Protein backbone atom coordinates (compact mmCIF):
# COMPACT_ATOMS: atom_id res chain seq x y z
CA UNK A 1 -65.69 -164.92 -11.27
CA UNK A 2 -65.31 -165.21 -15.10
CA UNK A 3 -62.14 -162.54 -14.22
CA UNK A 4 -60.51 -164.78 -12.27
CA UNK A 5 -61.06 -167.87 -13.95
CA UNK A 6 -59.62 -165.60 -16.95
CA UNK A 7 -56.68 -165.28 -14.66
CA UNK A 8 -55.96 -168.33 -13.71
CA UNK A 9 -56.28 -169.61 -16.90
CA UNK A 10 -53.43 -167.26 -18.40
CA UNK A 11 -51.18 -167.90 -15.53
CA UNK A 12 -51.43 -171.89 -16.12
CA UNK A 13 -50.91 -171.61 -19.99
CA UNK A 14 -47.37 -169.59 -19.28
CA UNK A 15 -46.46 -171.98 -16.99
CA UNK A 16 -47.09 -174.23 -19.69
CA UNK A 17 -45.22 -172.37 -21.95
CA UNK A 18 -42.56 -171.25 -19.77
CA UNK A 19 -41.94 -175.36 -18.74
CA UNK A 20 -41.19 -176.16 -22.56
CA UNK A 21 -37.76 -175.78 -22.83
CA UNK A 22 -37.51 -178.60 -20.43
CA UNK A 23 -39.48 -180.48 -22.96
CA UNK A 24 -35.97 -180.51 -24.79
CA UNK A 25 -33.58 -182.58 -22.17
CA UNK A 26 -32.86 -185.71 -25.34
CA UNK A 27 -31.82 -183.40 -27.73
CA UNK A 28 -28.37 -183.39 -29.32
CA UNK A 29 -27.56 -179.87 -29.60
CA UNK A 30 -24.35 -179.82 -27.60
CA UNK A 31 -23.42 -183.22 -29.55
CA UNK A 32 -20.76 -182.63 -33.06
CA UNK A 33 -23.29 -185.13 -35.23
CA UNK A 34 -21.17 -184.61 -38.15
CA UNK A 35 -18.71 -187.11 -37.25
CA UNK A 36 -17.92 -189.78 -35.37
CA UNK A 37 -14.78 -190.08 -32.31
CA UNK A 38 -13.49 -193.16 -31.26
CA UNK A 39 -11.08 -193.46 -27.71
CA UNK A 40 -8.70 -196.04 -26.69
CA UNK A 41 -8.83 -196.32 -23.04
CA UNK A 42 -9.15 -197.90 -19.01
CA UNK A 43 -12.17 -197.63 -17.42
CA UNK A 44 -12.26 -195.54 -13.94
CA UNK A 45 -15.75 -195.68 -13.18
CA UNK A 46 -18.75 -196.10 -14.27
CA UNK A 47 -22.11 -195.58 -12.94
CA UNK A 48 -25.24 -197.45 -13.10
CA UNK A 49 -27.97 -195.25 -12.24
CA UNK A 50 -30.70 -192.52 -14.32
CA UNK A 51 -31.53 -190.90 -15.79
CA UNK A 52 -28.21 -192.03 -17.98
CA UNK A 53 -25.25 -194.27 -16.88
CA UNK A 54 -22.58 -192.58 -17.34
CA UNK A 55 -18.63 -194.14 -18.21
CA UNK A 56 -15.41 -192.63 -17.40
CA UNK A 57 -13.21 -193.70 -18.96
CA UNK A 58 -8.55 -192.74 -18.87
CA UNK A 59 -7.47 -192.06 -22.59
CA UNK A 60 -3.83 -190.93 -23.47
CA UNK A 61 -3.87 -188.47 -25.72
CA UNK A 62 -0.96 -188.11 -28.56
CA UNK A 63 0.76 -186.63 -26.32
CA UNK A 64 0.97 -188.67 -23.98
CA UNK A 65 -1.10 -186.86 -21.33
CA UNK A 66 -4.14 -189.27 -19.52
CA UNK A 67 -7.50 -186.83 -20.54
CA UNK A 68 -10.09 -188.35 -18.67
CA UNK A 69 -13.20 -188.67 -20.43
CA UNK A 70 -16.73 -188.89 -19.75
CA UNK A 71 -19.16 -190.21 -21.83
CA UNK A 72 -22.98 -190.93 -21.33
CA UNK A 73 -25.26 -193.32 -22.07
CA UNK A 74 -28.75 -194.85 -22.42
CA UNK A 75 -31.09 -194.55 -18.84
CA UNK A 76 -30.31 -198.74 -17.60
CA UNK A 77 -33.96 -199.58 -18.37
CA UNK A 78 -32.66 -199.17 -21.99
CA UNK A 79 -29.80 -200.31 -21.39
CA UNK A 80 -30.84 -203.81 -19.81
CA UNK A 81 -32.77 -204.76 -23.22
CA UNK A 82 -29.90 -204.59 -24.89
CA UNK A 83 -26.71 -207.05 -22.66
CA UNK A 84 -25.77 -204.43 -20.23
CA UNK A 85 -25.68 -204.02 -16.41
CA UNK A 86 -24.35 -202.77 -13.38
CA UNK A 87 -21.27 -205.27 -13.35
CA UNK A 88 -21.34 -204.22 -18.01
CA UNK A 89 -17.56 -202.06 -17.23
CA UNK A 90 -15.51 -202.76 -14.65
CA UNK A 91 -12.91 -200.18 -13.24
CA UNK A 92 -9.28 -201.49 -14.93
CA UNK A 93 -10.84 -202.59 -18.12
CA UNK A 94 -9.45 -201.87 -21.25
CA UNK A 95 -12.50 -200.99 -23.94
CA UNK A 96 -12.54 -198.84 -26.98
CA UNK A 97 -15.72 -196.79 -26.49
CA UNK A 98 -16.65 -195.30 -30.43
CA UNK A 99 -19.28 -192.21 -29.41
CA UNK A 100 -20.45 -188.70 -30.70
CA UNK A 101 -18.16 -185.29 -29.08
CA UNK A 102 -19.73 -182.35 -27.92
CA UNK A 103 -18.90 -179.30 -29.60
CA UNK A 104 -16.91 -177.68 -27.12
CA UNK A 105 -13.69 -179.54 -27.92
CA UNK A 106 -14.35 -180.93 -24.30
CA UNK A 107 -13.74 -184.63 -23.22
CA UNK A 108 -17.15 -185.39 -22.72
CA UNK A 109 -19.25 -187.68 -25.42
CA UNK A 110 -22.77 -189.98 -26.00
CA UNK A 111 -22.24 -193.91 -26.37
CA UNK A 112 -22.53 -195.19 -29.90
CA UNK A 113 -20.77 -198.66 -28.60
CA UNK A 114 -17.93 -200.01 -26.87
CA UNK A 115 -15.69 -203.28 -27.69
CA UNK A 116 -13.54 -204.94 -25.45
CA UNK A 117 -10.42 -206.37 -26.92
CA UNK A 118 -12.10 -209.72 -26.62
CA UNK A 119 -14.39 -208.36 -29.46
CA UNK A 120 -16.91 -208.68 -27.36
CA UNK A 121 -19.62 -205.23 -27.69
CA UNK A 122 -21.75 -203.56 -26.31
CA UNK A 123 -23.97 -201.28 -27.99
CA UNK A 124 -25.59 -197.80 -27.41
CA UNK A 125 -28.55 -195.80 -28.26
CA UNK A 126 -27.36 -193.72 -30.69
CA UNK A 127 -28.07 -194.72 -34.21
CA UNK A 128 -25.22 -193.46 -36.40
CA UNK A 129 -26.55 -194.49 -39.81
CA UNK A 130 -29.82 -191.75 -38.73
CA UNK A 131 -28.14 -189.80 -35.58
CA UNK A 132 -25.07 -189.66 -37.12
CA UNK A 133 -23.69 -187.84 -40.65
CA UNK A 134 -20.99 -189.92 -42.27
CA UNK A 135 -18.25 -187.42 -43.31
CA UNK A 136 -18.33 -188.21 -47.26
CA UNK A 137 -14.04 -188.69 -47.08
CA UNK A 138 -14.51 -191.61 -44.76
CA UNK A 139 -16.49 -194.12 -46.94
CA UNK A 140 -14.97 -197.18 -48.87
């Protein structure tokens, strides 16, 4: 009986240790936290859902090509506490998105904030003062 209990305990510990990477979901390892990016474009879709809301945005690059960006935000509960709702962004809205991009250079980002042409601002949860390092060459 004691051997059986030891085996069960060992299996439990191994499963628990093996599942630890699942708790790393909210890290910024994929993002280039060394710099912020600013994108001006048109909202194509806004998905209000768990675990994170997603913003799809068409941005015209320097060559005149339209690039389809996707930017992750927080979950609906967190966003609603900061003034967002499921209708905060509509297809066709012109916005300026400040975000941190992924290291791979793909058009994927994490929302810092969004500014509308009339000056309204929606703030994401990322705190650029503590989570994004400021490039010293851009300081005033």
